[in-house]
Amino acid sequence: MRCPCAMVSGYIECIMDHLWTPWRMAYIRSEKKSVDGCVFCIKAQSEDAAELVVARSQYVYAVLNLYPYNNGHMMIVPYEHVDTQESLPVDALTDLMVTVNRALAVLRKAYNPSAFNLGVNLGVAAGAGIAEHYHFHIVPRWPGDASFMSVVGNTRVIPDTLENTYTELKAIWHDLYEEKDHGK
C-alpha cells in the first residue's frame, strides 16, 4: 500500500503519521520457532518466567497473552488438554473461576482498570486462535483504549513490555495470595 500523499502548494507532502516501535526489532530479528504440540500444554510444563506464567493453582495456571488486546491481558488455562469447559471436572471449574477472581484483583491493584472483558472463544467459528485447548480471557479496559489507533490505524498500542507486565503482576499475585495460601 502506498503512503497517502497530498499536493500542498506545488509540493508532494506525506500525510501519513509514523509510529516508531524500535523495541519490535528484537522480535523481527529473532528466530521463529515452530511449535510441536499444544502451546498451552508446553507452557504448563515449562519455567514460569520463560512462558510468562504469572501464577499456578491445582488445576489451572494464569498466563499473559503473547498477543494482548490491552496491557495485562491474561488467560486462565487448565492443565488438562480439553477443548471445552464441559469436559472439565467440577473441581477444575471451581479452581478456574477462583483463579479468574484472583487475576481480577491483581489487575485492579496493578492498573486500576475501569472495566474488564471476560470470556471464552469456544471453537474456531467463535474466534478461538487455539481452539483445541480451552482458555479463559481476562482483558482490562479503560475509557478510550479502542482509540483511533485501533479503529482507524488497525494498530494496538500496548504501553509496557510483556516482561515488565509479567514481573509486576507476578509480584502482586505473590503478595496477595502466595503467602496466604502457603500459610494454611
N, C-alpha and C. Protein backbone atom coordinates (compact mmCIF):
# COMPACT_ATOMS: atom_id res chain seq x y z
N MET A 1 0.84 -1.17 0.00
CA MET A 1 0.00 0.00 0.00
C MET A 1 0.89 1.24 0.00
N ARG A 2 0.58 2.19 -0.83
CA ARG A 2 1.36 3.43 -0.92
C ARG A 2 1.04 4.35 0.24
N CYS A 3 2.03 5.12 0.59
CA CYS A 3 1.85 6.15 1.59
C CYS A 3 0.90 7.21 1.02
N PRO A 4 -0.17 7.56 1.72
CA PRO A 4 -1.06 8.59 1.21
C PRO A 4 -0.35 9.95 1.20
N CYS A 5 -0.29 10.55 0.04
CA CYS A 5 0.38 11.83 -0.10
C CYS A 5 -0.60 12.84 -0.67
N ALA A 6 -0.28 14.11 -0.47
CA ALA A 6 -1.14 15.17 -0.98
C ALA A 6 -0.27 16.24 -1.62
N MET A 7 -0.81 16.91 -2.61
CA MET A 7 -0.12 18.03 -3.24
C MET A 7 -0.43 19.27 -2.41
N VAL A 8 0.60 19.85 -1.81
CA VAL A 8 0.44 21.03 -0.97
C VAL A 8 1.35 22.12 -1.53
N SER A 9 0.75 23.22 -2.00
CA SER A 9 1.50 24.37 -2.54
C SER A 9 2.52 23.94 -3.58
N GLY A 10 2.13 23.01 -4.46
CA GLY A 10 3.02 22.58 -5.53
C GLY A 10 4.01 21.50 -5.12
N TYR A 11 4.01 21.08 -3.84
CA TYR A 11 4.94 20.05 -3.36
C TYR A 11 4.14 18.83 -2.90
N ILE A 12 4.72 17.66 -3.07
CA ILE A 12 4.09 16.45 -2.55
C ILE A 12 4.47 16.31 -1.09
N GLU A 13 3.46 16.18 -0.24
CA GLU A 13 3.70 16.07 1.19
C GLU A 13 3.07 14.78 1.69
N CYS A 14 3.84 14.02 2.44
CA CYS A 14 3.33 12.78 3.02
C CYS A 14 2.42 13.15 4.20
N ILE A 15 1.21 12.61 4.20
CA ILE A 15 0.27 12.92 5.28
C ILE A 15 0.08 11.74 6.23
N MET A 16 0.88 10.68 6.06
CA MET A 16 0.78 9.52 6.94
C MET A 16 1.61 9.75 8.18
N ASP A 17 1.04 9.46 9.35
CA ASP A 17 1.79 9.51 10.59
C ASP A 17 2.59 8.23 10.74
N HIS A 18 3.67 8.31 11.47
CA HIS A 18 4.51 7.14 11.72
C HIS A 18 4.51 6.83 13.21
N LEU A 19 4.43 5.56 13.54
CA LEU A 19 4.53 5.10 14.91
C LEU A 19 5.85 4.35 15.01
N TRP A 20 6.81 4.92 15.71
CA TRP A 20 8.12 4.30 15.84
C TRP A 20 8.08 3.29 16.97
N THR A 21 8.45 2.05 16.69
CA THR A 21 8.43 0.99 17.68
C THR A 21 9.76 0.22 17.65
N PRO A 22 10.84 0.85 18.09
CA PRO A 22 12.15 0.20 17.99
C PRO A 22 12.27 -1.09 18.80
N TRP A 23 11.48 -1.26 19.86
CA TRP A 23 11.53 -2.48 20.66
C TRP A 23 11.05 -3.70 19.87
N ARG A 24 10.33 -3.49 18.77
CA ARG A 24 9.85 -4.60 17.95
C ARG A 24 10.97 -5.24 17.13
N MET A 25 12.11 -4.55 16.97
CA MET A 25 13.19 -5.08 16.15
C MET A 25 13.73 -6.39 16.71
N ALA A 26 13.77 -6.54 18.01
CA ALA A 26 14.23 -7.80 18.60
C ALA A 26 13.34 -8.95 18.13
N TYR A 27 12.04 -8.72 18.09
CA TYR A 27 11.11 -9.75 17.61
C TYR A 27 11.33 -10.03 16.12
N ILE A 28 11.47 -8.99 15.34
CA ILE A 28 11.64 -9.15 13.89
C ILE A 28 12.89 -9.95 13.59
N ARG A 29 13.97 -9.68 14.31
CA ARG A 29 15.25 -10.36 14.06
C ARG A 29 15.35 -11.72 14.71
N SER A 30 14.45 -12.02 15.63
CA SER A 30 14.55 -13.29 16.35
C SER A 30 14.20 -14.47 15.45
N GLU A 31 14.75 -15.59 15.84
CA GLU A 31 14.49 -16.82 15.10
C GLU A 31 13.08 -17.29 15.43
N LYS A 32 12.31 -17.56 14.41
CA LYS A 32 10.94 -18.03 14.60
C LYS A 32 10.96 -19.53 14.86
N LYS A 33 10.35 -19.93 15.94
CA LYS A 33 10.34 -21.34 16.32
C LYS A 33 9.01 -21.97 15.95
N SER A 34 9.08 -23.13 15.35
CA SER A 34 7.84 -23.87 15.12
C SER A 34 7.55 -24.66 16.39
N VAL A 35 6.29 -24.83 16.68
CA VAL A 35 5.89 -25.49 17.91
C VAL A 35 5.34 -26.87 17.57
N ASP A 36 5.90 -27.87 18.23
CA ASP A 36 5.37 -29.23 18.10
C ASP A 36 4.51 -29.51 19.31
N GLY A 37 3.22 -29.67 19.08
CA GLY A 37 2.31 -29.93 20.18
C GLY A 37 1.50 -28.70 20.55
N CYS A 38 0.79 -28.81 21.62
CA CYS A 38 -0.10 -27.75 22.10
C CYS A 38 0.70 -26.70 22.87
N VAL A 39 0.58 -25.44 22.47
CA VAL A 39 1.34 -24.38 23.15
C VAL A 39 0.96 -24.25 24.62
N PHE A 40 -0.29 -24.49 24.96
CA PHE A 40 -0.70 -24.38 26.35
C PHE A 40 -0.18 -25.54 27.19
N CYS A 41 -0.12 -26.72 26.61
CA CYS A 41 0.46 -27.87 27.33
C CYS A 41 1.96 -27.66 27.53
N ILE A 42 2.63 -27.09 26.53
CA ILE A 42 4.06 -26.80 26.64
C ILE A 42 4.29 -25.75 27.73
N LYS A 43 3.50 -24.69 27.75
CA LYS A 43 3.63 -23.65 28.78
C LYS A 43 3.46 -24.25 30.18
N ALA A 44 2.51 -25.16 30.32
CA ALA A 44 2.23 -25.76 31.62
C ALA A 44 3.42 -26.53 32.17
N GLN A 45 4.27 -27.04 31.28
CA GLN A 45 5.41 -27.86 31.69
C GLN A 45 6.72 -27.09 31.70
N SER A 46 6.69 -25.80 31.40
CA SER A 46 7.90 -25.01 31.27
C SER A 46 8.11 -24.11 32.48
N GLU A 47 9.25 -23.41 32.48
CA GLU A 47 9.56 -22.45 33.53
C GLU A 47 8.59 -21.26 33.43
N ASP A 48 8.14 -20.78 34.56
CA ASP A 48 7.16 -19.70 34.59
C ASP A 48 7.62 -18.45 33.85
N ALA A 49 8.81 -17.96 34.16
CA ALA A 49 9.29 -16.70 33.56
C ALA A 49 9.43 -16.83 32.05
N ALA A 50 9.93 -17.96 31.58
CA ALA A 50 10.12 -18.15 30.13
C ALA A 50 8.80 -18.12 29.38
N GLU A 51 7.73 -18.56 30.02
CA GLU A 51 6.42 -18.66 29.36
C GLU A 51 5.43 -17.62 29.87
N LEU A 52 5.89 -16.71 30.74
CA LEU A 52 5.06 -15.63 31.29
C LEU A 52 3.87 -16.16 32.09
N VAL A 53 4.10 -17.27 32.80
CA VAL A 53 3.08 -17.83 33.69
C VAL A 53 3.13 -17.05 35.00
N VAL A 54 2.07 -16.32 35.27
CA VAL A 54 2.01 -15.43 36.42
C VAL A 54 1.74 -16.20 37.71
N ALA A 55 0.88 -17.22 37.64
CA ALA A 55 0.52 -17.99 38.84
C ALA A 55 0.03 -19.37 38.43
N ARG A 56 0.11 -20.28 39.40
CA ARG A 56 -0.36 -21.65 39.20
C ARG A 56 -1.24 -22.05 40.38
N SER A 57 -2.23 -22.88 40.09
CA SER A 57 -3.04 -23.47 41.14
C SER A 57 -3.11 -24.97 40.85
N GLN A 58 -3.99 -25.66 41.53
CA GLN A 58 -4.03 -27.12 41.38
C GLN A 58 -4.44 -27.57 39.97
N TYR A 59 -5.42 -26.89 39.35
CA TYR A 59 -5.96 -27.34 38.07
C TYR A 59 -5.69 -26.40 36.91
N VAL A 60 -5.29 -25.15 37.20
CA VAL A 60 -5.14 -24.15 36.14
C VAL A 60 -3.92 -23.28 36.40
N TYR A 61 -3.54 -22.52 35.36
CA TYR A 61 -2.50 -21.51 35.54
C TYR A 61 -2.92 -20.23 34.84
N ALA A 62 -2.36 -19.11 35.32
CA ALA A 62 -2.63 -17.79 34.74
C ALA A 62 -1.40 -17.38 33.94
N VAL A 63 -1.62 -16.96 32.70
CA VAL A 63 -0.51 -16.63 31.81
C VAL A 63 -0.85 -15.36 31.03
N LEU A 64 0.17 -14.57 30.71
CA LEU A 64 -0.04 -13.40 29.87
C LEU A 64 -0.26 -13.84 28.43
N ASN A 65 -1.14 -13.14 27.75
CA ASN A 65 -1.37 -13.38 26.33
C ASN A 65 -0.21 -12.77 25.55
N LEU A 66 0.41 -13.55 24.67
CA LEU A 66 1.53 -13.04 23.88
C LEU A 66 1.10 -12.00 22.85
N TYR A 67 -0.18 -11.98 22.52
CA TYR A 67 -0.73 -11.02 21.55
C TYR A 67 -1.89 -10.29 22.21
N PRO A 68 -1.56 -9.45 23.20
CA PRO A 68 -2.61 -8.86 24.05
C PRO A 68 -3.48 -7.83 23.34
N TYR A 69 -4.73 -7.81 23.76
CA TYR A 69 -5.64 -6.76 23.32
C TYR A 69 -5.30 -5.47 24.05
N ASN A 70 -4.96 -5.60 25.33
CA ASN A 70 -4.56 -4.48 26.17
C ASN A 70 -3.46 -4.96 27.11
N ASN A 71 -2.77 -4.01 27.72
CA ASN A 71 -1.75 -4.35 28.71
C ASN A 71 -2.41 -5.13 29.85
N GLY A 72 -1.79 -6.23 30.25
CA GLY A 72 -2.33 -7.05 31.33
C GLY A 72 -3.29 -8.14 30.88
N HIS A 73 -3.51 -8.30 29.57
CA HIS A 73 -4.41 -9.33 29.04
C HIS A 73 -3.89 -10.70 29.49
N MET A 74 -4.67 -11.35 30.34
CA MET A 74 -4.28 -12.66 30.87
C MET A 74 -5.24 -13.74 30.37
N MET A 75 -4.76 -14.98 30.47
CA MET A 75 -5.60 -16.13 30.19
C MET A 75 -5.47 -17.11 31.35
N ILE A 76 -6.56 -17.75 31.70
CA ILE A 76 -6.55 -18.80 32.69
C ILE A 76 -6.73 -20.11 31.92
N VAL A 77 -5.76 -21.01 32.08
CA VAL A 77 -5.69 -22.20 31.24
C VAL A 77 -5.65 -23.45 32.12
N PRO A 78 -6.52 -24.43 31.86
CA PRO A 78 -6.44 -25.68 32.62
C PRO A 78 -5.22 -26.49 32.16
N TYR A 79 -4.65 -27.25 33.09
CA TYR A 79 -3.55 -28.14 32.73
C TYR A 79 -4.06 -29.25 31.80
N GLU A 80 -5.29 -29.67 32.05
CA GLU A 80 -5.88 -30.74 31.25
C GLU A 80 -6.18 -30.24 29.84
N HIS A 81 -5.78 -31.00 28.85
CA HIS A 81 -5.96 -30.63 27.44
C HIS A 81 -7.39 -31.00 27.01
N VAL A 82 -8.28 -30.00 27.11
CA VAL A 82 -9.68 -30.18 26.69
C VAL A 82 -10.06 -28.99 25.82
N ASP A 83 -11.05 -29.18 24.96
CA ASP A 83 -11.45 -28.10 24.06
C ASP A 83 -12.71 -27.36 24.51
N THR A 84 -13.29 -27.79 25.62
CA THR A 84 -14.49 -27.13 26.13
C THR A 84 -14.54 -27.28 27.64
N GLN A 85 -15.12 -26.29 28.29
CA GLN A 85 -15.24 -26.36 29.74
C GLN A 85 -16.16 -27.48 30.20
N GLU A 86 -17.00 -27.95 29.31
CA GLU A 86 -17.90 -29.06 29.66
C GLU A 86 -17.13 -30.34 29.97
N SER A 87 -15.90 -30.43 29.52
CA SER A 87 -15.07 -31.61 29.77
C SER A 87 -14.28 -31.53 31.06
N LEU A 88 -14.32 -30.40 31.73
CA LEU A 88 -13.56 -30.24 32.97
C LEU A 88 -14.37 -30.72 34.18
N PRO A 89 -13.71 -31.35 35.14
CA PRO A 89 -14.42 -31.74 36.37
C PRO A 89 -14.80 -30.50 37.19
N VAL A 90 -15.75 -30.66 38.07
CA VAL A 90 -16.26 -29.55 38.87
C VAL A 90 -15.14 -28.87 39.66
N ASP A 91 -14.23 -29.65 40.23
CA ASP A 91 -13.14 -29.05 40.99
C ASP A 91 -12.27 -28.14 40.11
N ALA A 92 -12.04 -28.54 38.88
CA ALA A 92 -11.24 -27.72 37.95
C ALA A 92 -12.00 -26.45 37.56
N LEU A 93 -13.31 -26.56 37.35
CA LEU A 93 -14.12 -25.38 37.03
C LEU A 93 -14.12 -24.39 38.19
N THR A 94 -14.23 -24.90 39.40
CA THR A 94 -14.20 -24.04 40.58
C THR A 94 -12.85 -23.35 40.69
N ASP A 95 -11.78 -24.10 40.52
CA ASP A 95 -10.43 -23.54 40.58
C ASP A 95 -10.24 -22.49 39.48
N LEU A 96 -10.78 -22.74 38.32
CA LEU A 96 -10.67 -21.79 37.21
C LEU A 96 -11.32 -20.46 37.60
N MET A 97 -12.52 -20.50 38.14
CA MET A 97 -13.22 -19.25 38.48
C MET A 97 -12.59 -18.55 39.68
N VAL A 98 -12.08 -19.29 40.65
CA VAL A 98 -11.36 -18.67 41.76
C VAL A 98 -10.11 -17.97 41.23
N THR A 99 -9.42 -18.61 40.28
CA THR A 99 -8.22 -18.02 39.69
C THR A 99 -8.58 -16.79 38.85
N VAL A 100 -9.71 -16.82 38.15
CA VAL A 100 -10.18 -15.63 37.43
C VAL A 100 -10.37 -14.49 38.43
N ASN A 101 -11.02 -14.75 39.55
CA ASN A 101 -11.24 -13.71 40.56
C ASN A 101 -9.93 -13.16 41.09
N ARG A 102 -8.97 -14.03 41.31
CA ARG A 102 -7.66 -13.58 41.79
C ARG A 102 -6.96 -12.72 40.73
N ALA A 103 -7.06 -13.12 39.49
CA ALA A 103 -6.46 -12.33 38.41
C ALA A 103 -7.10 -10.95 38.33
N LEU A 104 -8.41 -10.88 38.50
CA LEU A 104 -9.09 -9.58 38.51
C LEU A 104 -8.53 -8.69 39.63
N ALA A 105 -8.36 -9.25 40.81
CA ALA A 105 -7.85 -8.47 41.94
C ALA A 105 -6.42 -7.99 41.67
N VAL A 106 -5.60 -8.85 41.10
CA VAL A 106 -4.22 -8.47 40.79
C VAL A 106 -4.19 -7.36 39.75
N LEU A 107 -5.00 -7.49 38.70
CA LEU A 107 -5.04 -6.47 37.65
C LEU A 107 -5.60 -5.15 38.19
N ARG A 108 -6.59 -5.21 39.07
CA ARG A 108 -7.12 -3.98 39.68
C ARG A 108 -6.03 -3.27 40.48
N LYS A 109 -5.27 -4.04 41.25
CA LYS A 109 -4.21 -3.44 42.07
C LYS A 109 -3.10 -2.87 41.19
N ALA A 110 -2.75 -3.56 40.12
CA ALA A 110 -1.64 -3.13 39.26
C ALA A 110 -2.01 -1.93 38.39
N TYR A 111 -3.20 -1.94 37.78
CA TYR A 111 -3.52 -0.98 36.73
C TYR A 111 -4.78 -0.16 36.95
N ASN A 112 -5.58 -0.52 37.95
CA ASN A 112 -6.83 0.19 38.22
C ASN A 112 -7.69 0.38 36.97
N PRO A 113 -7.98 -0.71 36.24
CA PRO A 113 -8.81 -0.56 35.04
C PRO A 113 -10.24 -0.18 35.41
N SER A 114 -10.92 0.46 34.47
CA SER A 114 -12.32 0.87 34.67
C SER A 114 -13.28 -0.29 34.52
N ALA A 115 -12.86 -1.29 33.75
CA ALA A 115 -13.75 -2.42 33.44
C ALA A 115 -12.90 -3.59 32.95
N PHE A 116 -13.59 -4.70 32.69
CA PHE A 116 -12.92 -5.90 32.16
C PHE A 116 -13.81 -6.54 31.10
N ASN A 117 -13.19 -7.16 30.12
CA ASN A 117 -13.86 -8.13 29.27
C ASN A 117 -13.42 -9.50 29.77
N LEU A 118 -14.38 -10.38 30.06
CA LEU A 118 -14.10 -11.74 30.49
C LEU A 118 -14.77 -12.68 29.51
N GLY A 119 -14.07 -13.73 29.10
CA GLY A 119 -14.77 -14.65 28.23
C GLY A 119 -13.92 -15.69 27.57
N VAL A 120 -14.63 -16.50 26.78
CA VAL A 120 -14.06 -17.65 26.11
C VAL A 120 -14.52 -17.63 24.66
N ASN A 121 -13.61 -17.91 23.76
CA ASN A 121 -13.96 -18.13 22.35
C ASN A 121 -13.95 -19.64 22.14
N LEU A 122 -15.10 -20.24 22.25
CA LEU A 122 -15.23 -21.70 22.22
C LEU A 122 -15.41 -22.17 20.79
N GLY A 123 -14.32 -22.60 20.15
CA GLY A 123 -14.35 -23.08 18.77
C GLY A 123 -13.83 -22.03 17.81
N VAL A 124 -13.35 -22.49 16.67
CA VAL A 124 -12.76 -21.63 15.65
C VAL A 124 -13.77 -20.59 15.16
N ALA A 125 -15.01 -21.00 14.92
CA ALA A 125 -16.02 -20.08 14.42
C ALA A 125 -16.32 -18.95 15.41
N ALA A 126 -16.03 -19.18 16.69
CA ALA A 126 -16.23 -18.15 17.71
C ALA A 126 -15.01 -17.24 17.85
N GLY A 127 -13.95 -17.54 17.12
CA GLY A 127 -12.76 -16.70 17.15
C GLY A 127 -11.59 -17.26 17.91
N ALA A 128 -11.67 -18.52 18.34
CA ALA A 128 -10.56 -19.11 19.10
C ALA A 128 -9.34 -19.29 18.19
N GLY A 129 -8.22 -18.73 18.62
CA GLY A 129 -6.96 -18.91 17.90
C GLY A 129 -6.36 -20.27 18.17
N ILE A 130 -6.59 -20.78 19.38
CA ILE A 130 -6.14 -22.13 19.77
C ILE A 130 -7.37 -22.85 20.30
N ALA A 131 -8.14 -23.39 19.40
CA ALA A 131 -9.43 -23.99 19.75
C ALA A 131 -9.31 -25.33 20.46
N GLU A 132 -8.18 -26.01 20.28
CA GLU A 132 -8.06 -27.36 20.83
C GLU A 132 -7.77 -27.39 22.33
N HIS A 133 -7.42 -26.25 22.93
CA HIS A 133 -7.16 -26.21 24.37
C HIS A 133 -7.93 -25.02 24.96
N TYR A 134 -8.92 -25.33 25.75
CA TYR A 134 -9.78 -24.33 26.39
C TYR A 134 -8.94 -23.33 27.18
N HIS A 135 -9.31 -22.05 27.10
CA HIS A 135 -8.68 -20.99 27.89
C HIS A 135 -9.65 -19.83 28.04
N PHE A 136 -9.52 -19.14 29.17
CA PHE A 136 -10.44 -18.08 29.57
C PHE A 136 -9.68 -16.76 29.54
N HIS A 137 -10.20 -15.77 28.82
CA HIS A 137 -9.54 -14.47 28.67
C HIS A 137 -10.01 -13.46 29.71
N ILE A 138 -9.05 -12.65 30.20
CA ILE A 138 -9.34 -11.52 31.09
C ILE A 138 -8.63 -10.32 30.47
N VAL A 139 -9.41 -9.34 30.04
CA VAL A 139 -8.85 -8.16 29.37
C VAL A 139 -9.23 -6.91 30.15
N PRO A 140 -8.23 -6.24 30.76
CA PRO A 140 -8.53 -4.97 31.42
C PRO A 140 -8.90 -3.92 30.38
N ARG A 141 -9.82 -3.02 30.77
CA ARG A 141 -10.29 -1.98 29.82
C ARG A 141 -10.29 -0.61 30.50
N TRP A 142 -10.05 0.41 29.69
CA TRP A 142 -10.07 1.80 30.12
C TRP A 142 -10.83 2.62 29.10
N PRO A 143 -11.43 3.74 29.51
CA PRO A 143 -12.08 4.60 28.52
C PRO A 143 -11.07 5.03 27.46
N GLY A 144 -11.47 4.92 26.21
CA GLY A 144 -10.62 5.35 25.11
C GLY A 144 -9.56 4.36 24.68
N ASP A 145 -9.55 3.14 25.26
CA ASP A 145 -8.50 2.20 24.86
C ASP A 145 -8.70 1.67 23.44
N ALA A 146 -9.89 1.81 22.91
CA ALA A 146 -10.13 1.49 21.49
C ALA A 146 -10.11 2.82 20.73
N SER A 147 -8.98 3.48 20.78
CA SER A 147 -8.83 4.81 20.21
C SER A 147 -8.71 4.76 18.69
N PHE A 148 -8.38 5.89 18.12
CA PHE A 148 -8.22 5.97 16.67
C PHE A 148 -7.15 5.01 16.18
N MET A 149 -6.16 4.70 17.02
CA MET A 149 -5.10 3.78 16.59
C MET A 149 -5.68 2.42 16.25
N SER A 150 -6.59 1.94 17.08
CA SER A 150 -7.21 0.64 16.82
C SER A 150 -8.27 0.72 15.74
N VAL A 151 -9.10 1.75 15.82
CA VAL A 151 -10.24 1.86 14.92
C VAL A 151 -9.83 2.23 13.50
N VAL A 152 -9.00 3.24 13.38
CA VAL A 152 -8.61 3.74 12.05
C VAL A 152 -7.27 3.15 11.61
N GLY A 153 -6.33 3.10 12.52
CA GLY A 153 -4.98 2.67 12.16
C GLY A 153 -4.76 1.18 12.21
N ASN A 154 -5.77 0.41 12.70
CA ASN A 154 -5.65 -1.03 12.79
C ASN A 154 -4.38 -1.41 13.55
N THR A 155 -4.10 -0.67 14.63
CA THR A 155 -2.88 -0.84 15.41
C THR A 155 -3.21 -0.80 16.90
N ARG A 156 -2.66 -1.71 17.65
CA ARG A 156 -2.82 -1.71 19.10
C ARG A 156 -1.63 -0.98 19.72
N VAL A 157 -1.90 -0.21 20.75
CA VAL A 157 -0.84 0.45 21.49
C VAL A 157 -0.80 -0.19 22.88
N ILE A 158 0.26 -0.92 23.16
CA ILE A 158 0.45 -1.57 24.45
C ILE A 158 1.56 -0.79 25.17
N PRO A 159 1.25 -0.17 26.33
CA PRO A 159 2.19 0.77 26.93
C PRO A 159 3.40 0.15 27.63
N ASP A 160 3.43 -1.15 27.82
CA ASP A 160 4.57 -1.74 28.52
C ASP A 160 4.93 -3.07 27.87
N THR A 161 6.15 -3.53 28.14
CA THR A 161 6.57 -4.81 27.57
C THR A 161 5.91 -5.96 28.33
N LEU A 162 5.84 -7.11 27.69
CA LEU A 162 5.30 -8.29 28.36
C LEU A 162 6.16 -8.67 29.57
N GLU A 163 7.47 -8.51 29.44
CA GLU A 163 8.37 -8.87 30.53
C GLU A 163 8.13 -7.99 31.77
N ASN A 164 7.97 -6.68 31.57
CA ASN A 164 7.68 -5.78 32.70
C ASN A 164 6.32 -6.09 33.30
N THR A 165 5.35 -6.33 32.45
CA THR A 165 4.00 -6.67 32.91
C THR A 165 4.04 -7.95 33.74
N TYR A 166 4.75 -8.95 33.24
CA TYR A 166 4.89 -10.23 33.95
C TYR A 166 5.49 -10.02 35.35
N THR A 167 6.60 -9.30 35.41
CA THR A 167 7.29 -9.07 36.68
C THR A 167 6.38 -8.38 37.68
N GLU A 168 5.67 -7.37 37.24
CA GLU A 168 4.79 -6.63 38.13
C GLU A 168 3.61 -7.48 38.61
N LEU A 169 2.95 -8.17 37.69
CA LEU A 169 1.77 -8.96 38.08
C LEU A 169 2.16 -10.15 38.95
N LYS A 170 3.29 -10.79 38.65
CA LYS A 170 3.75 -11.93 39.44
C LYS A 170 4.01 -11.49 40.88
N ALA A 171 4.65 -10.34 41.06
CA ALA A 171 4.94 -9.84 42.40
C ALA A 171 3.65 -9.52 43.17
N ILE A 172 2.70 -8.89 42.51
CA ILE A 172 1.43 -8.56 43.18
C ILE A 172 0.68 -9.84 43.53
N TRP A 173 0.66 -10.81 42.60
CA TRP A 173 -0.01 -12.08 42.88
C TRP A 173 0.61 -12.73 44.11
N HIS A 174 1.92 -12.73 44.16
CA HIS A 174 2.62 -13.32 45.30
C HIS A 174 2.23 -12.61 46.59
N ASP A 175 2.23 -11.29 46.56
CA ASP A 175 1.88 -10.52 47.76
C ASP A 175 0.45 -10.79 48.21
N LEU A 176 -0.47 -10.91 47.28
CA LEU A 176 -1.87 -11.09 47.63
C LEU A 176 -2.22 -12.52 48.03
N TYR A 177 -1.57 -13.52 47.37
CA TYR A 177 -2.07 -14.89 47.53
C TYR A 177 -1.06 -15.93 47.96
N GLU A 178 0.15 -15.86 47.53
CA GLU A 178 1.09 -16.95 47.80
C GLU A 178 1.33 -17.14 49.30
N GLU A 179 1.58 -16.05 50.00
CA GLU A 179 1.85 -16.17 51.42
C GLU A 179 0.63 -16.69 52.17
N LYS A 180 -0.55 -16.25 51.79
CA LYS A 180 -1.79 -16.70 52.43
C LYS A 180 -2.02 -18.18 52.17
N ASP A 181 -1.81 -18.60 50.90
CA ASP A 181 -2.04 -20.00 50.53
C ASP A 181 -1.08 -20.95 51.22
N HIS A 182 0.16 -20.52 51.38
CA HIS A 182 1.17 -21.39 52.00
C HIS A 182 1.08 -21.37 53.52
N GLY A 183 0.38 -20.39 54.05
CA GLY A 183 0.23 -20.29 55.49
C GLY A 183 -0.94 -21.09 56.02
N LYS A 184 -1.66 -21.79 55.15
CA LYS A 184 -2.85 -22.56 55.59
C LYS A 184 -2.48 -23.69 56.50
